[in-house]
């Protein structure tokens, strides 16, 4: 599997897609923000907001921007 950075130049996570989802679901705000950015880059707008909101609730600066 390739990492999200291959489809999302703004993502910083070195995790592959499946790992990123697991870590985001576990509550990691960096992974949540990267997952949102990956969905945005793939045109899956309906999946972006919940992940950005989850990261923002944990004061993730990029998610709040």
C-alpha atoms as a PDB file:
ATOM      1  CA  UNK A   1       0.000   0.000   0.000  1.00  0.00           C
ATOM      2  CA  UNK A   2       1.131   3.514  -0.619  1.00  0.00           C
ATOM      3  CA  UNK A   3       1.018   6.251   1.972  1.00  0.00           C
ATOM      4  CA  UNK A   4      -1.473   9.078   1.786  1.00  0.00           C
ATOM      5  CA  UNK A   5       1.238  11.513   0.729  1.00  0.00           C
ATOM      6  CA  UNK A   6       1.234   9.870  -2.689  1.00  0.00           C
ATOM      7  CA  UNK A   7      -2.298  11.217  -3.218  1.00  0.00           C
ATOM      8  CA  UNK A   8      -2.207  14.127  -0.790  1.00  0.00           C
ATOM      9  CA  UNK A   9       0.781  16.460  -0.926  1.00  0.00           C
ATOM     10  CA  UNK A  10      -0.329  18.253   2.264  1.00  0.00           C
ATOM     11  CA  UNK A  11      -0.441  15.069   4.358  1.00  0.00           C
ATOM     12  CA  UNK A  12       2.488  14.481   6.666  1.00  0.00           C
ATOM     13  CA  UNK A  13       1.707  11.034   8.031  1.00  0.00           C
ATOM     14  CA  UNK A  14       4.054   8.199   7.017  1.00  0.00           C
ATOM     15  CA  UNK A  15       1.259   5.658   7.601  1.00  0.00           C
ATOM     16  CA  UNK A  16      -0.407   3.758   4.802  1.00  0.00           C
ATOM     17  CA  UNK A  17      -4.131   4.284   4.267  1.00  0.00           C
ATOM     18  CA  UNK A  18      -5.372   1.444   6.484  1.00  0.00           C
ATOM     19  CA  UNK A  19      -3.029   2.377   9.331  1.00  0.00           C
ATOM     20  CA  UNK A  20      -4.042   6.023   9.036  1.00  0.00           C
ATOM     21  CA  UNK A  21      -7.721   5.136   9.468  1.00  0.00           C
ATOM     22  CA  UNK A  22      -6.984   2.992  12.530  1.00  0.00           C
ATOM     23  CA  UNK A  23      -4.881   5.703  14.164  1.00  0.00           C
ATOM     24  CA  UNK A  24      -7.433   8.416  13.312  1.00  0.00           C
ATOM     25  CA  UNK A  25     -10.276   6.326  14.742  1.00  0.00           C
ATOM     26  CA  UNK A  26      -8.184   5.871  17.899  1.00  0.00           C
ATOM     27  CA  UNK A  27      -8.242   9.653  18.311  1.00  0.00           C
ATOM     28  CA  UNK A  28      -4.888  10.879  17.014  1.00  0.00           C
ATOM     29  CA  UNK A  29      -5.468  14.470  15.819  1.00  0.00           C
ATOM     30  CA  UNK A  30      -2.578  14.439  13.323  1.00  0.00           C
ATOM     31  CA  UNK A  31      -3.970  11.306  11.697  1.00  0.00           C
ATOM     32  CA  UNK A  32      -7.491  12.756  11.742  1.00  0.00           C
ATOM     33  CA  UNK A  33      -6.329  15.888   9.956  1.00  0.00           C
ATOM     34  CA  UNK A  34      -4.267  13.915   7.429  1.00  0.00           C
ATOM     35  CA  UNK A  35      -7.209  11.613   6.760  1.00  0.00           C
ATOM     36  CA  UNK A  36      -9.416  14.646   6.118  1.00  0.00           C
ATOM     37  CA  UNK A  37      -6.825  16.091   3.734  1.00  0.00           C
ATOM     38  CA  UNK A  38      -6.520  12.756   1.952  1.00  0.00           C
ATOM     39  CA  UNK A  39     -10.307  12.595   1.501  1.00  0.00           C
ATOM     40  CA  UNK A  40     -10.309  16.186   0.241  1.00  0.00           C
ATOM     41  CA  UNK A  41      -7.557  15.410  -2.287  1.00  0.00           C
ATOM     42  CA  UNK A  42      -9.607  12.442  -3.510  1.00  0.00           C
ATOM     43  CA  UNK A  43     -12.745  14.562  -3.928  1.00  0.00           C
ATOM     44  CA  UNK A  44     -14.616  12.892  -1.051  1.00  0.00           C
ATOM     45  CA  UNK A  45     -15.881  16.135   0.472  1.00  0.00           C
ATOM     46  CA  UNK A  46     -18.589  14.465   2.582  1.00  0.00           C
ATOM     47  CA  UNK A  47     -15.882  12.646   4.560  1.00  0.00           C
ATOM     48  CA  UNK A  48     -13.696  15.683   5.255  1.00  0.00           C
ATOM     49  CA  UNK A  49     -15.630  17.690   7.842  1.00  0.00           C
ATOM     50  CA  UNK A  50     -16.108  14.986  10.508  1.00  0.00           C
ATOM     51  CA  UNK A  51     -12.370  14.304  10.626  1.00  0.00           C
ATOM     52  CA  UNK A  52     -11.398  17.989  10.660  1.00  0.00           C
ATOM     53  CA  UNK A  53     -13.901  18.627  13.452  1.00  0.00           C
ATOM     54  CA  UNK A  54     -12.517  15.711  15.465  1.00  0.00           C
ATOM     55  CA  UNK A  55      -8.975  17.046  15.103  1.00  0.00           C
ATOM     56  CA  UNK A  56     -10.044  20.629  15.840  1.00  0.00           C
ATOM     57  CA  UNK A  57     -11.751  19.533  19.069  1.00  0.00           C
ATOM     58  CA  UNK A  58      -8.262  18.448  20.158  1.00  0.00           C
ATOM     59  CA  UNK A  59      -6.833  21.860  19.220  1.00  0.00           C
ATOM     60  CA  UNK A  60      -5.041  20.674  16.094  1.00  0.00           C
ATOM     61  CA  UNK A  61      -3.939  24.000  14.586  1.00  0.00           C
ATOM     62  CA  UNK A  62      -4.139  22.974  10.928  1.00  0.00           C
ATOM     63  CA  UNK A  63      -7.625  21.511  11.414  1.00  0.00           C
ATOM     64  CA  UNK A  64      -8.821  24.755  13.008  1.00  0.00           C
ATOM     65  CA  UNK A  65      -7.371  26.893  10.188  1.00  0.00           C
END
